[in-house]
Amino acid sequence: ARQVQQLDLYRQAAAAVGVAANAQDMRSSQLIDGKIWDGSNPAAY
């Protein structure tokens, strides 16, 4: 994911056009089956 997601480039572009960019690289979500996905343990997930 660190190879593919161009976070630095995106944040530079966002700053240049005045768009706020979250400083966090992860977010947390709950899916329909109740499972929480936050990227913390992908193999176990």
All heavy atoms as atom14 arrays in JSON, in Angstrom:
{
  "sequence": "ARQVQQLDLYRQAAAAVGVAANAQDMRSSQLIDGKIWDGSNPAAY",
  "atom14_mask": [
    [1, 1, 1, 1, 1, 0, 0, 0, 0, 0, 0, 0, 0, 0],
    [1, 1, 1, 1, 1, 1, 1, 1, 1, 1, 1, 0, 0, 0],
    [1, 1, 1, 1, 1, 1, 1, 1, 1, 0, 0, 0, 0, 0],
    [1, 1, 1, 1, 1, 1, 1, 0, 0, 0, 0, 0, 0, 0],
    [1, 1, 1, 1, 1, 1, 1, 1, 1, 0, 0, 0, 0, 0],
    [1, 1, 1, 1, 1, 1, 1, 1, 1, 0, 0, 0, 0, 0],
    [1, 1, 1, 1, 1, 1, 1, 1, 0, 0, 0, 0, 0, 0],
    [1, 1, 1, 1, 1, 1, 1, 1, 0, 0, 0, 0, 0, 0],
    [1, 1, 1, 1, 1, 1, 1, 1, 0, 0, 0, 0, 0, 0],
    [1, 1, 1, 1, 1, 1, 1, 1, 1, 1, 1, 1, 0, 0],
    [1, 1, 1, 1, 1, 1, 1, 1, 1, 1, 1, 0, 0, 0],
    [1, 1, 1, 1, 1, 1, 1, 1, 1, 0, 0, 0, 0, 0],
    [1, 1, 1, 1, 1, 0, 0, 0, 0, 0, 0, 0, 0, 0],
    [1, 1, 1, 1, 1, 0, 0, 0, 0, 0, 0, 0, 0, 0],
    [1, 1, 1, 1, 1, 0, 0, 0, 0, 0, 0, 0, 0, 0],
    [1, 1, 1, 1, 1, 0, 0, 0, 0, 0, 0, 0, 0, 0],
    [1, 1, 1, 1, 1, 1, 1, 0, 0, 0, 0, 0, 0, 0],
    [1, 1, 1, 1, 0, 0, 0, 0, 0, 0, 0, 0, 0, 0],
    [1, 1, 1, 1, 1, 1, 1, 0, 0, 0, 0, 0, 0, 0],
    [1, 1, 1, 1, 1, 0, 0, 0, 0, 0, 0, 0, 0, 0],
    [1, 1, 1, 1, 1, 0, 0, 0, 0, 0, 0, 0, 0, 0],
    [1, 1, 1, 1, 1, 1, 1, 1, 0, 0, 0, 0, 0, 0],
    [1, 1, 1, 1, 1, 0, 0, 0, 0, 0, 0, 0, 0, 0],
    [1, 1, 1, 1, 1, 1, 1, 1, 1, 0, 0, 0, 0, 0],
    [1, 1, 1, 1, 1, 1, 1, 1, 0, 0, 0, 0, 0, 0],
    [1, 1, 1, 1, 1, 1, 1, 1, 0, 0, 0, 0, 0, 0],
    [1, 1, 1, 1, 1, 1, 1, 1, 1, 1, 1, 0, 0, 0],
    [1, 1, 1, 1, 1, 1, 0, 0, 0, 0, 0, 0, 0, 0],
    [1, 1, 1, 1, 1, 1, 0, 0, 0, 0, 0, 0, 0, 0],
    [1, 1, 1, 1, 1, 1, 1, 1, 1, 0, 0, 0, 0, 0],
    [1, 1, 1, 1, 1, 1, 1, 1, 0, 0, 0, 0, 0, 0],
    [1, 1, 1, 1, 1, 1, 1, 1, 0, 0, 0, 0, 0, 0],
    [1, 1, 1, 1, 1, 1, 1, 1, 0, 0, 0, 0, 0, 0],
    [1, 1, 1, 1, 0, 0, 0, 0, 0, 0, 0, 0, 0, 0],
    [1, 1, 1, 1, 1, 1, 1, 1, 1, 0, 0, 0, 0, 0],
    [1, 1, 1, 1, 1, 1, 1, 1, 0, 0, 0, 0, 0, 0],
    [1, 1, 1, 1, 1, 1, 1, 1, 1, 1, 1, 1, 1, 1],
    [1, 1, 1, 1, 1, 1, 1, 1, 0, 0, 0, 0, 0, 0],
    [1, 1, 1, 1, 0, 0, 0, 0, 0, 0, 0, 0, 0, 0],
    [1, 1, 1, 1, 1, 1, 0, 0, 0, 0, 0, 0, 0, 0],
    [1, 1, 1, 1, 1, 1, 1, 1, 0, 0, 0, 0, 0, 0],
    [1, 1, 1, 1, 1, 1, 1, 0, 0, 0, 0, 0, 0, 0],
    [1, 1, 1, 1, 1, 0, 0, 0, 0, 0, 0, 0, 0, 0],
    [1, 1, 1, 1, 1, 0, 0, 0, 0, 0, 0, 0, 0, 0],
    [1, 1, 1, 1, 1, 1, 1, 1, 1, 1, 1, 1, 0, 0]
  ],
  "atom14_positions": [
    [[0.84, -1.21, 0.0], [0.0, 0.0, 0.0], [0.87, 1.25, 0.0], [0.54, 2.24, -0.68], [-0.94, -0.01, 1.2], [0.0, 0.0, 0.0], [0.0, 0.0, 0.0], [0.0, 0.0, 0.0], [0.0, 0.0, 0.0], [0.0, 0.0, 0.0], [0.0, 0.0, 0.0], [0.0, 0.0, 0.0], [0.0, 0.0, 0.0], [0.0, 0.0, 0.0]],
    [[1.97, 1.23, 0.74], [2.87, 2.4, 0.77], [3.5, 2.65, -0.6], [3.78, 3.79, -0.95], [3.96, 2.21, 1.83], [3.45, 2.48, 3.24], [4.59, 2.59, 4.24], [4.12, 3.07, 5.53], [4.35, 2.46, 6.69], [5.05, 1.33, 6.72], [3.89, 2.97, 7.82], [0.0, 0.0, 0.0], [0.0, 0.0, 0.0], [0.0, 0.0, 0.0]],
    [[3.74, 1.58, -1.36], [4.27, 1.75, -2.72], [3.23, 2.36, -3.65], [3.54, 3.24, -4.45], [4.69, 0.38, -3.3], [5.92, -0.24, -2.68], [6.07, -1.71, -3.08], [5.41, -2.18, -4.02], [6.9, -2.44, -2.37], [0.0, 0.0, 0.0], [0.0, 0.0, 0.0], [0.0, 0.0, 0.0], [0.0, 0.0, 0.0], [0.0, 0.0, 0.0]],
    [[1.99, 1.88, -3.55], [0.97, 2.23, -4.54], [0.31, 3.59, -4.23], [0.16, 4.43, -5.13], [-0.1, 1.13, -4.62], [-1.23, 1.53, -5.58], [0.52, -0.2, -5.06], [0.0, 0.0, 0.0], [0.0, 0.0, 0.0], [0.0, 0.0, 0.0], [0.0, 0.0, 0.0], [0.0, 0.0, 0.0], [0.0, 0.0, 0.0], [0.0, 0.0, 0.0]],
    [[-0.08, 3.8, -2.98], [-0.8, 5.03, -2.62], [0.17, 6.22, -2.6], [1.09, 6.25, -1.79], [-1.47, 4.89, -1.24], [-2.31, 3.61, -1.04], [-3.58, 3.58, -1.84], [-3.54, 3.27, -3.02], [-4.7, 3.88, -1.21], [0.0, 0.0, 0.0], [0.0, 0.0, 0.0], [0.0, 0.0, 0.0], [0.0, 0.0, 0.0], [0.0, 0.0, 0.0]],
    [[-0.07, 7.19, -3.46], [0.84, 8.34, -3.6], [0.45, 9.45, -2.62], [0.04, 10.54, -3.0], [0.82, 8.83, -5.04], [1.15, 7.77, -6.07], [2.58, 7.26, -5.97], [3.53, 8.05, -6.03], [2.76, 5.96, -5.8], [0.0, 0.0, 0.0], [0.0, 0.0, 0.0], [0.0, 0.0, 0.0], [0.0, 0.0, 0.0], [0.0, 0.0, 0.0]],
    [[0.62, 9.15, -1.33], [0.14, 10.07, -0.3], [0.86, 11.41, -0.31], [0.24, 12.47, -0.16], [0.27, 9.41, 1.08], [-0.89, 8.47, 1.45], [-0.49, 7.56, 2.61], [-2.15, 9.26, 1.8], [0.0, 0.0, 0.0], [0.0, 0.0, 0.0], [0.0, 0.0, 0.0], [0.0, 0.0, 0.0], [0.0, 0.0, 0.0], [0.0, 0.0, 0.0]],
    [[2.18, 11.4, -0.48], [2.94, 12.66, -0.45], [2.51, 13.55, -1.61], [2.26, 14.75, -1.43], [4.45, 12.4, -0.52], [4.98, 11.8, 0.78], [4.24, 11.81, 1.79], [6.14, 11.32, 0.79], [0.0, 0.0, 0.0], [0.0, 0.0, 0.0], [0.0, 0.0, 0.0], [0.0, 0.0, 0.0], [0.0, 0.0, 0.0], [0.0, 0.0, 0.0]],
    [[2.46, 12.97, -2.78], [2.07, 13.75, -3.96], [0.65, 14.29, -3.79], [0.38, 15.47, -4.09], [2.17, 12.86, -5.21], [1.9, 13.54, -6.56], [2.82, 12.96, -7.63], [0.45, 13.36, -7.0], [0.0, 0.0, 0.0], [0.0, 0.0, 0.0], [0.0, 0.0, 0.0], [0.0, 0.0, 0.0], [0.0, 0.0, 0.0], [0.0, 0.0, 0.0]],
    [[-0.25, 13.45, -3.29], [-1.62, 13.9, -3.09], [-1.67, 15.07, -2.11], [-2.35, 16.09, -2.36], [-2.53, 12.77, -2.57], [-3.89, 13.32, -2.2], [-4.84, 13.57, -3.2], [-4.18, 13.7, -0.9], [-6.05, 14.17, -2.89], [-5.4, 14.3, -0.58], [-6.32, 14.53, -1.58], [-7.51, 15.15, -1.28], [0.0, 0.0, 0.0], [0.0, 0.0, 0.0]],
    [[-0.96, 14.96, -1.0], [-1.01, 16.03, 0.01], [-0.42, 17.34, -0.52], [-0.91, 18.42, -0.19], [-0.3, 15.57, 1.28], [-1.14, 14.53, 2.06], [-0.54, 14.2, 3.42], [-1.46, 13.38, 4.2], [-1.19, 12.14, 4.62], [-0.02, 11.58, 4.35], [-2.09, 11.46, 5.33], [0.0, 0.0, 0.0], [0.0, 0.0, 0.0], [0.0, 0.0, 0.0]],
    [[0.6, 17.24, -1.35], [1.15, 18.45, -1.99], [0.09, 19.11, -2.88], [-0.11, 20.32, -2.85], [2.38, 18.11, -2.84], [3.61, 17.69, -2.06], [4.64, 17.02, -2.96], [4.58, 17.09, -4.18], [5.6, 16.33, -2.34], [0.0, 0.0, 0.0], [0.0, 0.0, 0.0], [0.0, 0.0, 0.0], [0.0, 0.0, 0.0], [0.0, 0.0, 0.0]],
    [[-0.58, 18.28, -3.69], [-1.6, 18.8, -4.6], [-2.76, 19.41, -3.82], [-3.26, 20.5, -4.16], [-2.11, 17.68, -5.51], [0.0, 0.0, 0.0], [0.0, 0.0, 0.0], [0.0, 0.0, 0.0], [0.0, 0.0, 0.0], [0.0, 0.0, 0.0], [0.0, 0.0, 0.0], [0.0, 0.0, 0.0], [0.0, 0.0, 0.0], [0.0, 0.0, 0.0]],
    [[-3.19, 18.72, -2.76], [-4.32, 19.21, -1.96], [-3.97, 20.56, -1.31], [-4.77, 21.5, -1.35], [-4.68, 18.19, -0.89], [0.0, 0.0, 0.0], [0.0, 0.0, 0.0], [0.0, 0.0, 0.0], [0.0, 0.0, 0.0], [0.0, 0.0, 0.0], [0.0, 0.0, 0.0], [0.0, 0.0, 0.0], [0.0, 0.0, 0.0], [0.0, 0.0, 0.0]],
    [[-2.77, 20.67, -0.76], [-2.35, 21.93, -0.13], [-2.33, 23.06, -1.15], [-2.73, 24.19, -0.86], [-0.96, 21.75, 0.5], [0.0, 0.0, 0.0], [0.0, 0.0, 0.0], [0.0, 0.0, 0.0], [0.0, 0.0, 0.0], [0.0, 0.0, 0.0], [0.0, 0.0, 0.0], [0.0, 0.0, 0.0], [0.0, 0.0, 0.0], [0.0, 0.0, 0.0]],
    [[-1.91, 22.75, -2.37], [-1.8, 23.77, -3.41], [-3.15, 24.34, -3.83], [-3.24, 25.48, -4.28], [-1.07, 23.2, -4.63], [0.0, 0.0, 0.0], [0.0, 0.0, 0.0], [0.0, 0.0, 0.0], [0.0, 0.0, 0.0], [0.0, 0.0, 0.0], [0.0, 0.0, 0.0], [0.0, 0.0, 0.0], [0.0, 0.0, 0.0], [0.0, 0.0, 0.0]],
    [[-4.22, 23.54, -3.69], [-5.56, 24.04, -4.07], [-6.45, 24.28, -2.84], [-7.67, 24.42, -2.97], [-6.26, 23.1, -5.08], [-5.51, 23.1, -6.4], [-6.41, 21.68, -4.54], [0.0, 0.0, 0.0], [0.0, 0.0, 0.0], [0.0, 0.0, 0.0], [0.0, 0.0, 0.0], [0.0, 0.0, 0.0], [0.0, 0.0, 0.0], [0.0, 0.0, 0.0]],
    [[-5.83, 24.32, -1.66], [-6.56, 24.67, -0.46], [-7.55, 23.63, 0.01], [-8.6, 23.95, 0.58], [0.0, 0.0, 0.0], [0.0, 0.0, 0.0], [0.0, 0.0, 0.0], [0.0, 0.0, 0.0], [0.0, 0.0, 0.0], [0.0, 0.0, 0.0], [0.0, 0.0, 0.0], [0.0, 0.0, 0.0], [0.0, 0.0, 0.0], [0.0, 0.0, 0.0]],
    [[-7.22, 22.36, -0.2], [-8.07, 21.26, 0.27], [-7.42, 20.61, 1.49], [-6.24, 20.26, 1.44], [-8.29, 20.2, -0.84], [-9.01, 18.97, -0.28], [-9.07, 20.79, -2.0], [0.0, 0.0, 0.0], [0.0, 0.0, 0.0], [0.0, 0.0, 0.0], [0.0, 0.0, 0.0], [0.0, 0.0, 0.0], [0.0, 0.0, 0.0], [0.0, 0.0, 0.0]],
    [[-8.16, 20.49, 2.56], [-7.62, 19.87, 3.77], [-7.31, 18.4, 3.5], [-8.09, 17.7, 2.84], [-8.63, 19.98, 4.91], [0.0, 0.0, 0.0], [0.0, 0.0, 0.0], [0.0, 0.0, 0.0], [0.0, 0.0, 0.0], [0.0, 0.0, 0.0], [0.0, 0.0, 0.0], [0.0, 0.0, 0.0], [0.0, 0.0, 0.0], [0.0, 0.0, 0.0]],
    [[-6.17, 17.94, 4.0], [-5.79, 16.53, 3.85], [-5.5, 15.96, 5.23], [-4.64, 16.46, 5.95], [-4.58, 16.39, 2.94], [0.0, 0.0, 0.0], [0.0, 0.0, 0.0], [0.0, 0.0, 0.0], [0.0, 0.0, 0.0], [0.0, 0.0, 0.0], [0.0, 0.0, 0.0], [0.0, 0.0, 0.0], [0.0, 0.0, 0.0], [0.0, 0.0, 0.0]],
    [[-6.24, 14.94, 5.59], [-6.06, 14.28, 6.89], [-4.6, 13.87, 7.06], [-3.99, 13.32, 6.15], [-6.97, 13.04, 6.92], [-7.09, 12.45, 8.31], [-6.23, 12.63, 9.16], [-8.18, 11.71, 8.53], [0.0, 0.0, 0.0], [0.0, 0.0, 0.0], [0.0, 0.0, 0.0], [0.0, 0.0, 0.0], [0.0, 0.0, 0.0], [0.0, 0.0, 0.0]],
    [[-4.06, 14.12, 8.23], [-2.67, 13.74, 8.51], [-2.55, 12.24, 8.75], [-1.45, 11.67, 8.68], [-2.15, 14.49, 9.72], [0.0, 0.0, 0.0], [0.0, 0.0, 0.0], [0.0, 0.0, 0.0], [0.0, 0.0, 0.0], [0.0, 0.0, 0.0], [0.0, 0.0, 0.0], [0.0, 0.0, 0.0], [0.0, 0.0, 0.0], [0.0, 0.0, 0.0]],
    [[-3.68, 11.57, 9.01], [-3.66, 10.12, 9.25], [-3.65, 9.38, 7.91], [-4.29, 9.8, 6.96], [-4.9, 9.7, 10.04], [-5.07, 10.41, 11.38], [-3.9, 10.15, 12.32], [-3.47, 9.02, 12.47], [-3.4, 11.21, 12.93], [0.0, 0.0, 0.0], [0.0, 0.0, 0.0], [0.0, 0.0, 0.0], [0.0, 0.0, 0.0], [0.0, 0.0, 0.0]],
    [[-2.93, 8.25, 7.89], [-2.88, 7.42, 6.68], [-3.91, 6.3, 6.71], [-4.07, 5.57, 5.74], [-1.49, 6.79, 6.52], [-0.4, 7.83, 6.3], [-0.74, 8.99, 5.98], [0.78, 7.48, 6.47], [0.0, 0.0, 0.0], [0.0, 0.0, 0.0], [0.0, 0.0, 0.0], [0.0, 0.0, 0.0], [0.0, 0.0, 0.0], [0.0, 0.0, 0.0]],
    [[-4.58, 6.14, 7.87], [-5.57, 5.08, 8.05], [-6.89, 5.7, 8.5], [-6.92, 6.81, 9.03], [-5.11, 4.09, 9.13], [-3.79, 3.39, 8.84], [-3.94, 2.09, 7.6], [-2.31, 1.32, 7.77], [0.0, 0.0, 0.0], [0.0, 0.0, 0.0], [0.0, 0.0, 0.0], [0.0, 0.0, 0.0], [0.0, 0.0, 0.0], [0.0, 0.0, 0.0]],
    [[-7.98, 4.97, 8.31], [-9.29, 5.36, 8.85], [-9.97, 4.09, 9.34], [-9.56, 2.98, 8.98], [-10.13, 6.08, 7.8], [-10.48, 5.25, 6.56], [-11.2, 6.09, 5.51], [-11.56, 5.31, 4.33], [-12.81, 5.2, 3.85], [-13.81, 5.8, 4.47], [-13.06, 4.49, 2.77], [0.0, 0.0, 0.0], [0.0, 0.0, 0.0], [0.0, 0.0, 0.0]],
    [[-10.98, 4.24, 10.16], [-11.67, 3.08, 10.73], [-13.11, 3.05, 10.23], [-13.77, 4.08, 10.17], [-11.66, 3.17, 12.26], [-12.31, 2.04, 12.82], [0.0, 0.0, 0.0], [0.0, 0.0, 0.0], [0.0, 0.0, 0.0], [0.0, 0.0, 0.0], [0.0, 0.0, 0.0], [0.0, 0.0, 0.0], [0.0, 0.0, 0.0], [0.0, 0.0, 0.0]],
    [[-13.58, 1.85, 9.84], [-14.93, 1.69, 9.31], [-15.56, 0.42, 9.86], [-14.86, -0.56, 10.14], [-14.89, 1.57, 7.78], [-14.18, 2.62, 7.19], [0.0, 0.0, 0.0], [0.0, 0.0, 0.0], [0.0, 0.0, 0.0], [0.0, 0.0, 0.0], [0.0, 0.0, 0.0], [0.0, 0.0, 0.0], [0.0, 0.0, 0.0], [0.0, 0.0, 0.0]],
    [[-16.88, 0.43, 9.98], [-17.62, -0.79, 10.34], [-18.45, -1.23, 9.15], [-19.21, -0.43, 8.58], [-18.53, -0.56, 11.55], [-19.22, -1.85, 12.0], [-19.89, -1.71, 13.35], [-20.22, -0.62, 13.79], [-20.12, -2.83, 14.02], [0.0, 0.0, 0.0], [0.0, 0.0, 0.0], [0.0, 0.0, 0.0], [0.0, 0.0, 0.0], [0.0, 0.0, 0.0]],
    [[-18.3, -2.49, 8.75], [-19.0, -3.01, 7.59], [-20.29, -3.71, 8.0], [-20.59, -3.86, 9.18], [-18.08, -3.94, 6.79], [-17.14, -3.19, 5.82], [-16.08, -2.38, 6.54], [-16.49, -4.14, 4.82], [0.0, 0.0, 0.0], [0.0, 0.0, 0.0], [0.0, 0.0, 0.0], [0.0, 0.0, 0.0], [0.0, 0.0, 0.0], [0.0, 0.0, 0.0]],
    [[-21.03, -4.17, 7.02], [-22.39, -4.69, 7.2], [-22.45, -5.88, 8.16], [-23.45, -6.1, 8.85], [-23.0, -5.09, 5.82], [-24.49, -5.39, 5.94], [-22.24, -6.23, 5.18], [-25.19, -5.6, 4.6], [0.0, 0.0, 0.0], [0.0, 0.0, 0.0], [0.0, 0.0, 0.0], [0.0, 0.0, 0.0], [0.0, 0.0, 0.0], [0.0, 0.0, 0.0]],
    [[-21.36, -6.65, 8.24], [-21.34, -7.83, 9.12], [-20.86, -7.5, 10.53], [-20.65, -8.4, 11.35], [-20.47, -8.93, 8.51], [-19.08, -8.43, 8.13], [-18.74, -7.27, 8.47], [-18.33, -9.2, 7.49], [0.0, 0.0, 0.0], [0.0, 0.0, 0.0], [0.0, 0.0, 0.0], [0.0, 0.0, 0.0], [0.0, 0.0, 0.0], [0.0, 0.0, 0.0]],
    [[-20.68, -6.21, 10.8], [-20.26, -5.79, 12.14], [-18.75, -5.72, 12.33], [-18.27, -5.22, 13.34], [0.0, 0.0, 0.0], [0.0, 0.0, 0.0], [0.0, 0.0, 0.0], [0.0, 0.0, 0.0], [0.0, 0.0, 0.0], [0.0, 0.0, 0.0], [0.0, 0.0, 0.0], [0.0, 0.0, 0.0], [0.0, 0.0, 0.0], [0.0, 0.0, 0.0]],
    [[-18.0, -6.23, 11.35], [-16.54, -6.22, 11.48], [-15.98, -4.8, 11.34], [-16.46, -4.02, 10.51], [-15.9, -7.11, 10.42], [-16.06, -8.6, 10.7], [-15.29, -9.43, 9.67], [-15.51, -10.91, 9.88], [-14.86, -11.39, 11.1], [0.0, 0.0, 0.0], [0.0, 0.0, 0.0], [0.0, 0.0, 0.0], [0.0, 0.0, 0.0], [0.0, 0.0, 0.0]],
    [[-14.98, -4.52, 12.13], [-14.28, -3.23, 12.05], [-13.03, -3.4, 11.19], [-12.25, -4.34, 11.4], [-13.85, -2.75, 13.46], [-15.06, -2.63, 14.4], [-13.08, -1.42, 13.36], [-16.0, -1.49, 14.11], [0.0, 0.0, 0.0], [0.0, 0.0, 0.0], [0.0, 0.0, 0.0], [0.0, 0.0, 0.0], [0.0, 0.0, 0.0], [0.0, 0.0, 0.0]],
    [[-12.85, -2.5, 10.25], [-11.63, -2.5, 9.44], [-10.9, -1.19, 9.65], [-11.44, -0.11, 9.38], [-11.95, -2.68, 7.95], [-10.76, -2.39, 7.06], [-10.63, -1.38, 6.16], [-9.53, -3.13, 7.02], [-9.39, -1.44, 5.55], [-8.69, -2.5, 6.07], [-9.04, -4.25, 7.7], [-7.41, -2.95, 5.77], [-7.77, -4.71, 7.4], [-6.97, -4.07, 6.45]],
    [[-9.67, -1.29, 10.17], [-8.87, -0.08, 10.37], [-7.43, -0.26, 9.89], [-6.58, 0.59, 10.14], [-8.88, 0.34, 11.85], [-8.33, -0.74, 12.78], [-7.78, -1.75, 12.28], [-8.44, -0.58, 14.01], [0.0, 0.0, 0.0], [0.0, 0.0, 0.0], [0.0, 0.0, 0.0], [0.0, 0.0, 0.0], [0.0, 0.0, 0.0], [0.0, 0.0, 0.0]],
    [[-7.18, -1.38, 9.2], [-5.85, -1.61, 8.65], [-4.82, -2.13, 9.64], [-3.66, -2.34, 9.28], [0.0, 0.0, 0.0], [0.0, 0.0, 0.0], [0.0, 0.0, 0.0], [0.0, 0.0, 0.0], [0.0, 0.0, 0.0], [0.0, 0.0, 0.0], [0.0, 0.0, 0.0], [0.0, 0.0, 0.0], [0.0, 0.0, 0.0], [0.0, 0.0, 0.0]],
    [[-5.24, -2.37, 10.9], [-4.23, -2.66, 11.94], [-3.67, -4.07, 11.87], [-2.52, -4.29, 12.22], [-4.81, -2.38, 13.33], [-5.94, -3.2, 13.55], [0.0, 0.0, 0.0], [0.0, 0.0, 0.0], [0.0, 0.0, 0.0], [0.0, 0.0, 0.0], [0.0, 0.0, 0.0], [0.0, 0.0, 0.0], [0.0, 0.0, 0.0], [0.0, 0.0, 0.0]],
    [[-4.46, -5.06, 11.45], [-3.94, -6.43, 11.37], [-4.54, -7.13, 10.16], [-5.43, -7.98, 10.29], [-4.24, -7.2, 12.66], [-3.4, -8.46, 12.76], [-2.91, -8.99, 11.74], [-3.23, -8.97, 13.97], [0.0, 0.0, 0.0], [0.0, 0.0, 0.0], [0.0, 0.0, 0.0], [0.0, 0.0, 0.0], [0.0, 0.0, 0.0], [0.0, 0.0, 0.0]],
    [[-4.06, -6.78, 8.98], [-4.73, -7.26, 7.75], [-4.7, -8.77, 7.57], [-5.68, -9.35, 7.1], [-3.96, -6.55, 6.63], [-2.66, -6.11, 7.24], [-2.95, -5.86, 8.68], [0.0, 0.0, 0.0], [0.0, 0.0, 0.0], [0.0, 0.0, 0.0], [0.0, 0.0, 0.0], [0.0, 0.0, 0.0], [0.0, 0.0, 0.0], [0.0, 0.0, 0.0]],
    [[-3.6, -9.43, 7.97], [-3.52, -10.88, 7.78], [-4.57, -11.59, 8.63], [-5.27, -12.51, 8.16], [-2.12, -11.38, 8.12], [0.0, 0.0, 0.0], [0.0, 0.0, 0.0], [0.0, 0.0, 0.0], [0.0, 0.0, 0.0], [0.0, 0.0, 0.0], [0.0, 0.0, 0.0], [0.0, 0.0, 0.0], [0.0, 0.0, 0.0], [0.0, 0.0, 0.0]],
    [[-4.72, -11.15, 9.88], [-5.74, -11.74, 10.76], [-7.14, -11.41, 10.26], [-8.04, -12.26, 10.28], [-5.56, -11.24, 12.19], [0.0, 0.0, 0.0], [0.0, 0.0, 0.0], [0.0, 0.0, 0.0], [0.0, 0.0, 0.0], [0.0, 0.0, 0.0], [0.0, 0.0, 0.0], [0.0, 0.0, 0.0], [0.0, 0.0, 0.0], [0.0, 0.0, 0.0]],
    [[-7.33, -10.2, 9.78], [-8.64, -9.79, 9.24], [-9.02, -10.67, 8.05], [-10.15, -11.16, 7.97], [-8.57, -8.31, 8.83], [-9.83, -7.76, 8.2], [-10.89, -7.32, 8.99], [-9.95, -7.64, 6.82], [-12.06, -6.8, 8.41], [-11.11, -7.12, 6.22], [-12.16, -6.71, 7.03], [-13.29, -6.2, 6.45], [0.0, 0.0, 0.0], [0.0, 0.0, 0.0]]
  ]
}
